[in-house]
Amino acid sequence: MTQHWCNGRFLDSANHPGAAQDRGAFLGLGLFETMLAIDGRLVFADRHLGRIRKSCGKFRWEIELPDLQEIAAGLLVRNELAIGRARLRLVVTAGSGAQNDLAPGADRLVWLSAFPAAETPVSMSACLSPWPRNERSPLAGLKSASYAENLVALDHARRLGFDETIFLNTAGQLCEAATANLFLVRNGSLLTPPVDSGCLPGVMREVVLELAAEIGIPSEEDALTPGDLHTADEVFLTSAIRGVVPLSRFESREISPGPIAGKLQEELHALQRRTR
């Protein structure tokens, strides 16, 4: 039976201790991180933990964990996922409490689960979402358990024959994909929407910007429009599990894979091997 780690213990999934009144379950008052493990070790664990701690701070929560790498390693062994790629999800819920009070309840949960990770696709396709991202939302920039908006938009894209959807914000500027950050390449330079566009400050987004600087690829965070997607030399998406994935089609436009995404993929794979 699948096991997970919750509030300091390893448990069978059938014995998950979630409370019926946990506001994370029925109000979406929670946060999560999705992390990649390779051969039994988390990749960029400190970055993920730093981000969820910062997000908890916006809710005035504190999160205390023993060694995340140690917990993950034990969980992966228990679920026979210590070899190859695995996807781990760290979740923090609010627990029971008043709806007008963000304070965590005594029954709040902090849990980690592990699953096999799908292979990274060679490329993906995407369309524009018909719904805008609200860059002024109090949840902007948080990996919130209130994720239904992303899933509805993603389902809409997939029913149209696309793998992903790209959000504009309320100003009509490019923001992010439903499950990834967005990068464009123009004249050899990287362009990506700034965090104040409403996009998630993705761990892989941060890593890619750092790698670009290290290998001499110019990069800029700038306000971008849908027109930029039609004229960019390359377009690619980044996420913790998939890494760097080129877009081969944006709506009706076919896009050829380019050298910048390929180079960043190589550098990322080398970095992942070093930091496991």
C-alpha atoms as a PDB file:
ATOM      1  CA  MET A   1       0.000   0.000   0.000  1.00  0.00           C
ATOM      2  CA  THR A   2       1.207   3.515  -0.812  1.00  0.00           C
ATOM      3  CA  GLN A   3       2.607   5.406   2.169  1.00  0.00           C
ATOM      4  CA  HIS A   4       3.074   9.074   2.920  1.00  0.00           C
ATOM      5  CA  TRP A   5       4.685  11.121   5.676  1.00  0.00           C
ATOM      6  CA  CYS A   6       2.336  13.277   7.776  1.00  0.00           C
ATOM      7  CA  ASN A   7       2.974  15.338  10.900  1.00  0.00           C
ATOM      8  CA  GLY A   8       6.096  13.380  11.765  1.00  0.00           C
ATOM      9  CA  ARG A   9       4.940   9.828  10.966  1.00  0.00           C
ATOM     10  CA  PHE A  10       4.932   7.459   8.009  1.00  0.00           C
ATOM     11  CA  LEU A  11       1.365   6.292   7.361  1.00  0.00           C
ATOM     12  CA  ASP A  12      -0.546   4.149   4.897  1.00  0.00           C
ATOM     13  CA  SER A  13      -2.605   6.299   2.558  1.00  0.00           C
ATOM     14  CA  ALA A  14      -5.759   4.644   3.903  1.00  0.00           C
ATOM     15  CA  ASN A  15      -4.999   6.116   7.328  1.00  0.00           C
ATOM     16  CA  HIS A  16      -4.608   9.744   6.276  1.00  0.00           C
ATOM     17  CA  PRO A  17      -5.542  11.803   9.365  1.00  0.00           C
ATOM     18  CA  GLY A  18      -7.210  14.755   7.652  1.00  0.00           C
ATOM     19  CA  ALA A  19      -9.945  16.439   9.716  1.00  0.00           C
ATOM     20  CA  ALA A  20     -13.431  16.803   8.254  1.00  0.00           C
ATOM     21  CA  GLN A  21     -13.284  20.552   8.927  1.00  0.00           C
ATOM     22  CA  ASP A  22      -9.761  21.132   7.577  1.00  0.00           C
ATOM     23  CA  ARG A  23     -10.017  24.416   5.670  1.00  0.00           C
ATOM     24  CA  GLY A  24      -7.392  23.129   3.259  1.00  0.00           C
ATOM     25  CA  ALA A  25      -9.825  20.449   2.078  1.00  0.00           C
ATOM     26  CA  PHE A  26     -13.058  22.381   1.678  1.00  0.00           C
ATOM     27  CA  LEU A  27     -11.834  25.979   1.310  1.00  0.00           C
ATOM     28  CA  GLY A  28      -8.503  25.474  -0.416  1.00  0.00           C
ATOM     29  CA  LEU A  29      -6.662  27.202   2.425  1.00  0.00           C
ATOM     30  CA  GLY A  30      -3.335  25.510   1.991  1.00  0.00           C
ATOM     31  CA  LEU A  31      -0.036  25.552   0.139  1.00  0.00           C
ATOM     32  CA  PHE A  32       2.000  22.946  -1.692  1.00  0.00           C
ATOM     33  CA  GLU A  33       5.282  22.263  -3.451  1.00  0.00           C
ATOM     34  CA  THR A  34       5.900  19.707  -6.186  1.00  0.00           C
ATOM     35  CA  MET A  35       9.475  18.439  -6.226  1.00  0.00           C
ATOM     36  CA  LEU A  36      11.578  16.112  -8.352  1.00  0.00           C
ATOM     37  CA  ALA A  37      13.650  13.293  -6.897  1.00  0.00           C
ATOM     38  CA  ILE A  38      16.284  11.439  -8.895  1.00  0.00           C
ATOM     39  CA  ASP A  39      17.576   8.108  -7.594  1.00  0.00           C
ATOM     40  CA  GLY A  40      16.236   8.680  -4.101  1.00  0.00           C
ATOM     41  CA  ARG A  41      17.301  12.289  -3.560  1.00  0.00           C
ATOM     42  CA  LEU A  42      15.340  15.522  -3.897  1.00  0.00           C
ATOM     43  CA  VAL A  43      16.543  18.070  -6.425  1.00  0.00           C
ATOM     44  CA  PHE A  44      16.628  21.722  -5.246  1.00  0.00           C
ATOM     45  CA  ALA A  45      15.064  20.784  -1.899  1.00  0.00           C
ATOM     46  CA  ASP A  46      16.311  23.926  -0.138  1.00  0.00           C
ATOM     47  CA  ARG A  47      14.792  26.181  -2.802  1.00  0.00           C
ATOM     48  CA  HIS A  48      11.405  24.494  -2.516  1.00  0.00           C
ATOM     49  CA  LEU A  49      11.448  24.581   1.261  1.00  0.00           C
ATOM     50  CA  GLY A  50      12.481  28.235   1.219  1.00  0.00           C
ATOM     51  CA  ARG A  51       9.606  29.124  -1.092  1.00  0.00           C
ATOM     52  CA  ILE A  52       6.923  27.340   0.921  1.00  0.00           C
ATOM     53  CA  ARG A  53       8.219  28.907   4.129  1.00  0.00           C
ATOM     54  CA  LYS A  54       8.035  32.334   2.516  1.00  0.00           C
ATOM     55  CA  SER A  55       4.490  31.589   1.303  1.00  0.00           C
ATOM     56  CA  CYS A  56       3.483  30.402   4.773  1.00  0.00           C
ATOM     57  CA  GLY A  57       4.719  33.737   6.071  1.00  0.00           C
ATOM     58  CA  LYS A  58       2.086  35.507   3.964  1.00  0.00           C
ATOM     59  CA  PHE A  59      -0.557  33.554   5.886  1.00  0.00           C
ATOM     60  CA  ARG A  60       1.321  34.208   9.166  1.00  0.00           C
ATOM     61  CA  TRP A  61       2.004  30.482   9.486  1.00  0.00           C
ATOM     62  CA  GLU A  62       5.178  28.774  10.587  1.00  0.00           C
ATOM     63  CA  ILE A  63       6.331  25.463   9.145  1.00  0.00           C
ATOM     64  CA  GLU A  64       8.860  23.329  10.962  1.00  0.00           C
ATOM     65  CA  LEU A  65      10.231  20.227   9.301  1.00  0.00           C
ATOM     66  CA  PRO A  66      12.977  17.825  10.231  1.00  0.00           C
ATOM     67  CA  ASP A  67      15.458  17.113   7.443  1.00  0.00           C
ATOM     68  CA  LEU A  68      13.361  17.184   4.253  1.00  0.00           C
ATOM     69  CA  GLN A  69      15.938  15.129   2.349  1.00  0.00           C
ATOM     70  CA  GLU A  70      15.889  12.464   5.058  1.00  0.00           C
ATOM     71  CA  ILE A  71      12.087  12.291   5.113  1.00  0.00           C
ATOM     72  CA  ALA A  72      11.943  12.107   1.317  1.00  0.00           C
ATOM     73  CA  ALA A  73      14.601   9.394   1.149  1.00  0.00           C
ATOM     74  CA  GLY A  74      12.685   7.226   3.622  1.00  0.00           C
ATOM     75  CA  LEU A  75       9.406   7.798   1.828  1.00  0.00           C
ATOM     76  CA  LEU A  76      10.873   6.912  -1.556  1.00  0.00           C
ATOM     77  CA  VAL A  77      12.277   3.644  -0.219  1.00  0.00           C
ATOM     78  CA  ARG A  78       8.940   2.732   1.393  1.00  0.00           C
ATOM     79  CA  ASN A  79       7.162   3.321  -1.925  1.00  0.00           C
ATOM     80  CA  GLU A  80       9.800   1.566  -4.050  1.00  0.00           C
ATOM     81  CA  LEU A  81      10.669   4.806  -5.842  1.00  0.00           C
ATOM     82  CA  ALA A  82      14.316   5.157  -4.832  1.00  0.00           C
ATOM     83  CA  ILE A  83      15.565   4.383  -8.332  1.00  0.00           C
ATOM     84  CA  GLY A  84      14.838   6.726 -11.241  1.00  0.00           C
ATOM     85  CA  ARG A  85      12.602   9.782 -11.272  1.00  0.00           C
ATOM     86  CA  ALA A  86       9.865  10.450  -8.709  1.00  0.00           C
ATOM     87  CA  ARG A  87       7.472  13.311  -8.000  1.00  0.00           C
ATOM     88  CA  LEU A  88       6.994  14.403  -4.395  1.00  0.00           C
ATOM     89  CA  ARG A  89       4.362  16.771  -3.092  1.00  0.00           C
ATOM     90  CA  LEU A  90       4.729  18.699   0.160  1.00  0.00           C
ATOM     91  CA  VAL A  91       1.381  20.035   1.424  1.00  0.00           C
ATOM     92  CA  VAL A  92       0.557  22.378   4.303  1.00  0.00           C
ATOM     93  CA  THR A  93      -3.088  22.859   5.302  1.00  0.00           C
ATOM     94  CA  ALA A  94      -4.750  25.301   7.678  1.00  0.00           C
ATOM     95  CA  GLY A  95      -6.622  22.673   9.693  1.00  0.00           C
ATOM     96  CA  SER A  96      -9.878  23.472  11.484  1.00  0.00           C
ATOM     97  CA  GLY A  97     -10.753  27.024  12.411  1.00  0.00           C
ATOM     98  CA  ALA A  98     -12.956  30.013  11.768  1.00  0.00           C
ATOM     99  CA  GLN A  99     -13.434  31.040   8.159  1.00  0.00           C
ATOM    100  CA  ASN A 100     -12.547  34.655   8.961  1.00  0.00           C
ATOM    101  CA  ASP A 101      -9.287  33.713  10.683  1.00  0.00           C
ATOM    102  CA  LEU A 102      -6.206  32.362   8.886  1.00  0.00           C
ATOM    103  CA  ALA A 103      -4.631  31.009  12.080  1.00  0.00           C
ATOM    104  CA  PRO A 104      -3.748  27.310  11.722  1.00  0.00           C
ATOM    105  CA  GLY A 105      -5.724  24.825  13.787  1.00  0.00           C
ATOM    106  CA  ALA A 106      -4.200  22.239  16.084  1.00  0.00           C
ATOM    107  CA  ASP A 107      -5.161  19.559  13.536  1.00  0.00           C
ATOM    108  CA  ARG A 108      -3.391  21.261  10.601  1.00  0.00           C
ATOM    109  CA  LEU A 109      -1.430  18.896   8.400  1.00  0.00           C
ATOM    110  CA  VAL A 110       2.040  18.942   6.915  1.00  0.00           C
ATOM    111  CA  TRP A 111       2.449  15.938   4.666  1.00  0.00           C
ATOM    112  CA  LEU A 112       4.690  14.578   1.944  1.00  0.00           C
ATOM    113  CA  SER A 113       3.618  12.075  -0.701  1.00  0.00           C
ATOM    114  CA  ALA A 114       5.546  10.384  -3.501  1.00  0.00           C
ATOM    115  CA  PHE A 115       4.562   9.123  -6.952  1.00  0.00           C
ATOM    116  CA  PRO A 116       6.325   7.976 -10.114  1.00  0.00           C
ATOM    117  CA  ALA A 117       7.298  10.909 -12.359  1.00  0.00           C
ATOM    118  CA  ALA A 118       6.349  10.826 -16.016  1.00  0.00           C
ATOM    119  CA  GLU A 119       9.109  11.163 -18.558  1.00  0.00           C
ATOM    120  CA  THR A 120       9.764  14.704 -19.768  1.00  0.00           C
ATOM    121  CA  PRO A 121       8.066  15.341 -23.129  1.00  0.00           C
ATOM    122  CA  VAL A 122      10.240  16.303 -26.070  1.00  0.00           C
ATOM    123  CA  SER A 123       8.006  19.314 -26.718  1.00  0.00           C
ATOM    124  CA  MET A 124       4.551  20.672 -25.887  1.00  0.00           C
ATOM    125  CA  SER A 125       1.771  22.711 -27.460  1.00  0.00           C
ATOM    126  CA  ALA A 126      -0.181  25.565 -25.889  1.00  0.00           C
ATOM    127  CA  CYS A 127      -3.026  28.004 -26.448  1.00  0.00           C
ATOM    128  CA  LEU A 128      -4.116  31.187 -24.728  1.00  0.00           C
ATOM    129  CA  SER A 129      -6.494  30.777 -21.817  1.00  0.00           C
ATOM    130  CA  PRO A 130      -9.834  32.590 -22.187  1.00  0.00           C
ATOM    131  CA  TRP A 131      -9.606  33.526 -18.494  1.00  0.00           C
ATOM    132  CA  PRO A 132      -7.105  36.106 -17.180  1.00  0.00           C
ATOM    133  CA  ARG A 133      -4.823  35.734 -14.198  1.00  0.00           C
ATOM    134  CA  ASN A 134      -5.459  38.391 -11.551  1.00  0.00           C
ATOM    135  CA  GLU A 135      -2.023  39.802 -10.779  1.00  0.00           C
ATOM    136  CA  ARG A 136      -3.521  41.795  -7.879  1.00  0.00           C
ATOM    137  CA  SER A 137      -5.000  38.739  -6.154  1.00  0.00           C
ATOM    138  CA  PRO A 138      -3.795  38.082  -2.582  1.00  0.00           C
ATOM    139  CA  LEU A 139      -2.885  34.595  -3.840  1.00  0.00           C
ATOM    140  CA  ALA A 140      -0.758  35.861  -6.744  1.00  0.00           C
ATOM    141  CA  GLY A 141       2.677  34.283  -6.565  1.00  0.00           C
ATOM    142  CA  LEU A 142       1.600  31.545  -4.124  1.00  0.00           C
ATOM    143  CA  LYS A 143       1.419  27.835  -4.951  1.00  0.00           C
ATOM    144  CA  SER A 144      -1.965  27.661  -3.317  1.00  0.00           C
ATOM    145  CA  ALA A 145      -4.209  24.654  -2.763  1.00  0.00           C
ATOM    146  CA  SER A 146      -6.902  26.798  -4.446  1.00  0.00           C
ATOM    147  CA  TYR A 147      -5.828  25.295  -7.767  1.00  0.00           C
ATOM    148  CA  ALA A 148      -9.150  24.682  -9.504  1.00  0.00           C
ATOM    149  CA  GLU A 149      -8.725  27.745 -11.751  1.00  0.00           C
ATOM    150  CA  ASN A 150      -5.574  26.209 -13.203  1.00  0.00           C
ATOM    151  CA  LEU A 151      -7.206  22.818 -13.687  1.00  0.00           C
ATOM    152  CA  VAL A 152     -10.287  24.232 -15.421  1.00  0.00           C
ATOM    153  CA  ALA A 153      -8.068  26.219 -17.807  1.00  0.00           C
ATOM    154  CA  LEU A 154      -5.847  23.194 -18.427  1.00  0.00           C
ATOM    155  CA  ASP A 155      -8.850  20.979 -19.146  1.00  0.00           C
ATOM    156  CA  HIS A 156     -10.157  23.588 -21.599  1.00  0.00           C
ATOM    157  CA  ALA A 157      -6.817  23.565 -23.444  1.00  0.00           C
ATOM    158  CA  ARG A 158      -6.618  19.792 -23.594  1.00  0.00           C
ATOM    159  CA  ARG A 159     -10.157  19.538 -24.980  1.00  0.00           C
ATOM    160  CA  LEU A 160      -8.979  21.835 -27.785  1.00  0.00           C
ATOM    161  CA  GLY A 161      -6.040  19.524 -28.490  1.00  0.00           C
ATOM    162  CA  PHE A 162      -3.278  21.411 -26.628  1.00  0.00           C
ATOM    163  CA  ASP A 163      -1.021  20.241 -23.805  1.00  0.00           C
ATOM    164  CA  GLU A 164      -0.961  23.529 -21.889  1.00  0.00           C
ATOM    165  CA  THR A 165      -2.619  26.902 -21.609  1.00  0.00           C
ATOM    166  CA  ILE A 166      -1.010  30.323 -21.200  1.00  0.00           C
ATOM    167  CA  PHE A 167      -2.605  32.977 -19.014  1.00  0.00           C
ATOM    168  CA  LEU A 168      -2.644  36.675 -19.690  1.00  0.00           C
ATOM    169  CA  ASN A 169      -3.077  38.933 -16.677  1.00  0.00           C
ATOM    170  CA  THR A 170      -5.770  41.587 -16.341  1.00  0.00           C
ATOM    171  CA  ALA A 171      -3.505  44.087 -18.156  1.00  0.00           C
ATOM    172  CA  GLY A 172      -3.384  41.809 -21.198  1.00  0.00           C
ATOM    173  CA  GLN A 173       0.262  40.855 -20.603  1.00  0.00           C
ATOM    174  CA  LEU A 174       1.699  37.352 -20.685  1.00  0.00           C
ATOM    175  CA  CYS A 175       1.832  35.748 -17.251  1.00  0.00           C
ATOM    176  CA  GLU A 176       2.463  31.993 -17.070  1.00  0.00           C
ATOM    177  CA  ALA A 177       1.166  28.588 -18.101  1.00  0.00           C
ATOM    178  CA  ALA A 178      -1.204  26.589 -15.906  1.00  0.00           C
ATOM    179  CA  THR A 179       1.574  24.365 -14.563  1.00  0.00           C
ATOM    180  CA  ALA A 180       4.763  26.095 -15.709  1.00  0.00           C
ATOM    181  CA  ASN A 181       6.585  29.362 -16.180  1.00  0.00           C
ATOM    182  CA  LEU A 182       7.002  30.879 -19.629  1.00  0.00           C
ATOM    183  CA  PHE A 183      10.167  31.890 -21.487  1.00  0.00           C
ATOM    184  CA  LEU A 184      10.685  33.398 -24.940  1.00  0.00           C
ATOM    185  CA  VAL A 185      13.884  33.791 -26.950  1.00  0.00           C
ATOM    186  CA  ARG A 186      14.442  36.784 -29.196  1.00  0.00           C
ATOM    187  CA  ASN A 187      17.740  37.481 -30.970  1.00  0.00           C
ATOM    188  CA  GLY A 188      19.604  35.167 -28.612  1.00  0.00           C
ATOM    189  CA  SER A 189      18.207  36.732 -25.412  1.00  0.00           C
ATOM    190  CA  LEU A 190      15.825  35.225 -22.871  1.00  0.00           C
ATOM    191  CA  LEU A 191      12.611  37.042 -22.002  1.00  0.00           C
ATOM    192  CA  THR A 192      10.216  36.052 -19.241  1.00  0.00           C
ATOM    193  CA  PRO A 193       7.280  37.783 -17.525  1.00  0.00           C
ATOM    194  CA  PRO A 194       8.231  39.470 -14.226  1.00  0.00           C
ATOM    195  CA  VAL A 195       6.834  38.176 -10.947  1.00  0.00           C
ATOM    196  CA  ASP A 196       4.575  41.243 -10.679  1.00  0.00           C
ATOM    197  CA  SER A 197       2.735  39.946 -13.768  1.00  0.00           C
ATOM    198  CA  GLY A 198       1.078  37.533 -11.324  1.00  0.00           C
ATOM    199  CA  CYS A 199       3.179  34.498 -12.222  1.00  0.00           C
ATOM    200  CA  LEU A 200       4.492  32.013  -9.708  1.00  0.00           C
ATOM    201  CA  PRO A 201       8.148  32.618  -8.769  1.00  0.00           C
ATOM    202  CA  GLY A 202       8.976  29.121  -9.956  1.00  0.00           C
ATOM    203  CA  VAL A 203      11.985  27.246  -8.604  1.00  0.00           C
ATOM    204  CA  MET A 204      12.905  26.120 -12.115  1.00  0.00           C
ATOM    205  CA  ARG A 205      12.352  29.642 -13.415  1.00  0.00           C
ATOM    206  CA  GLU A 206      14.898  30.873 -10.857  1.00  0.00           C
ATOM    207  CA  VAL A 207      17.357  28.102 -11.754  1.00  0.00           C
ATOM    208  CA  VAL A 208      17.078  28.788 -15.498  1.00  0.00           C
ATOM    209  CA  LEU A 209      17.724  32.510 -15.033  1.00  0.00           C
ATOM    210  CA  GLU A 210      20.804  31.690 -12.955  1.00  0.00           C
ATOM    211  CA  LEU A 211      22.064  29.154 -15.515  1.00  0.00           C
ATOM    212  CA  ALA A 212      21.566  31.653 -18.325  1.00  0.00           C
ATOM    213  CA  ALA A 213      23.656  34.217 -16.474  1.00  0.00           C
ATOM    214  CA  GLU A 214      26.406  31.642 -15.836  1.00  0.00           C
ATOM    215  CA  ILE A 215      26.739  30.639 -19.498  1.00  0.00           C
ATOM    216  CA  GLY A 216      26.420  34.147 -20.918  1.00  0.00           C
ATOM    217  CA  ILE A 217      22.873  34.127 -22.260  1.00  0.00           C
ATOM    218  CA  PRO A 218      21.348  37.600 -21.758  1.00  0.00           C
ATOM    219  CA  SER A 219      18.005  37.547 -19.947  1.00  0.00           C
ATOM    220  CA  GLU A 220      15.373  40.076 -19.020  1.00  0.00           C
ATOM    221  CA  GLU A 221      12.147  40.068 -17.044  1.00  0.00           C
ATOM    222  CA  ASP A 222       9.805  42.247 -19.066  1.00  0.00           C
ATOM    223  CA  ALA A 223       6.141  42.882 -19.824  1.00  0.00           C
ATOM    224  CA  LEU A 224       5.259  40.722 -22.841  1.00  0.00           C
ATOM    225  CA  THR A 225       2.183  40.510 -25.046  1.00  0.00           C
ATOM    226  CA  PRO A 226       0.510  37.684 -26.981  1.00  0.00           C
ATOM    227  CA  GLY A 227       2.089  39.118 -30.122  1.00  0.00           C
ATOM    228  CA  ASP A 228       5.499  38.214 -28.716  1.00  0.00           C
ATOM    229  CA  LEU A 229       4.504  34.547 -28.794  1.00  0.00           C
ATOM    230  CA  HIS A 230       3.919  34.828 -32.540  1.00  0.00           C
ATOM    231  CA  THR A 231       7.294  36.438 -33.265  1.00  0.00           C
ATOM    232  CA  ALA A 232       9.665  34.798 -30.758  1.00  0.00           C
ATOM    233  CA  ASP A 233      12.487  32.674 -32.123  1.00  0.00           C
ATOM    234  CA  GLU A 234      11.909  30.087 -29.398  1.00  0.00           C
ATOM    235  CA  VAL A 235       9.297  29.524 -26.696  1.00  0.00           C
ATOM    236  CA  PHE A 236       9.708  27.126 -23.811  1.00  0.00           C
ATOM    237  CA  LEU A 237       8.127  26.241 -20.478  1.00  0.00           C
ATOM    238  CA  THR A 238       9.831  25.432 -17.188  1.00  0.00           C
ATOM    239  CA  SER A 239       8.662  23.423 -14.187  1.00  0.00           C
ATOM    240  CA  ALA A 240      10.246  21.467 -11.356  1.00  0.00           C
ATOM    241  CA  ILE A 241       9.332  18.051 -12.750  1.00  0.00           C
ATOM    242  CA  ARG A 242       9.675  18.593 -16.505  1.00  0.00           C
ATOM    243  CA  GLY A 243      12.598  21.010 -16.420  1.00  0.00           C
ATOM    244  CA  VAL A 244      12.918  22.918 -19.722  1.00  0.00           C
ATOM    245  CA  VAL A 245      10.453  21.909 -22.451  1.00  0.00           C
ATOM    246  CA  PRO A 246      10.223  23.716 -25.820  1.00  0.00           C
ATOM    247  CA  LEU A 247       6.867  24.685 -27.285  1.00  0.00           C
ATOM    248  CA  SER A 248       6.522  23.187 -30.758  1.00  0.00           C
ATOM    249  CA  ARG A 249       3.118  24.798 -31.358  1.00  0.00           C
ATOM    250  CA  PHE A 250       1.392  27.882 -30.045  1.00  0.00           C
ATOM    251  CA  GLU A 251      -2.195  27.905 -31.265  1.00  0.00           C
ATOM    252  CA  SER A 252      -1.826  27.766 -35.093  1.00  0.00           C
ATOM    253  CA  ARG A 253       1.873  28.628 -35.135  1.00  0.00           C
ATOM    254  CA  GLU A 254       4.434  25.844 -35.516  1.00  0.00           C
ATOM    255  CA  ILE A 255       7.698  26.623 -33.675  1.00  0.00           C
ATOM    256  CA  SER A 256      10.983  24.896 -34.411  1.00  0.00           C
ATOM    257  CA  PRO A 257      13.099  23.760 -31.440  1.00  0.00           C
ATOM    258  CA  GLY A 258      15.967  26.179 -30.866  1.00  0.00           C
ATOM    259  CA  PRO A 259      19.527  26.124 -29.525  1.00  0.00           C
ATOM    260  CA  ILE A 260      18.898  28.202 -26.389  1.00  0.00           C
ATOM    261  CA  ALA A 261      16.391  25.773 -24.886  1.00  0.00           C
ATOM    262  CA  GLY A 262      18.649  22.878 -25.858  1.00  0.00           C
ATOM    263  CA  LYS A 263      21.672  24.430 -24.175  1.00  0.00           C
ATOM    264  CA  LEU A 264      19.708  25.180 -21.008  1.00  0.00           C
ATOM    265  CA  GLN A 265      18.445  21.580 -20.931  1.00  0.00           C
ATOM    266  CA  GLU A 266      22.033  20.342 -21.041  1.00  0.00           C
ATOM    267  CA  GLU A 267      23.152  22.701 -18.294  1.00  0.00           C
ATOM    268  CA  LEU A 268      20.157  21.812 -16.136  1.00  0.00           C
ATOM    269  CA  HIS A 269      20.784  18.071 -16.416  1.00  0.00           C
ATOM    270  CA  ALA A 270      24.406  18.603 -15.403  1.00  0.00           C
ATOM    271  CA  LEU A 271      23.340  20.753 -12.430  1.00  0.00           C
ATOM    272  CA  GLN A 272      20.772  18.182 -11.303  1.00  0.00           C
ATOM    273  CA  ARG A 273      23.448  15.497 -11.289  1.00  0.00           C
ATOM    274  CA  ARG A 274      25.689  17.702  -9.149  1.00  0.00           C
ATOM    275  CA  THR A 275      23.026  18.801  -6.634  1.00  0.00           C
ATOM    276  CA  ARG A 276      21.216  15.558  -5.906  1.00  0.00           C
END
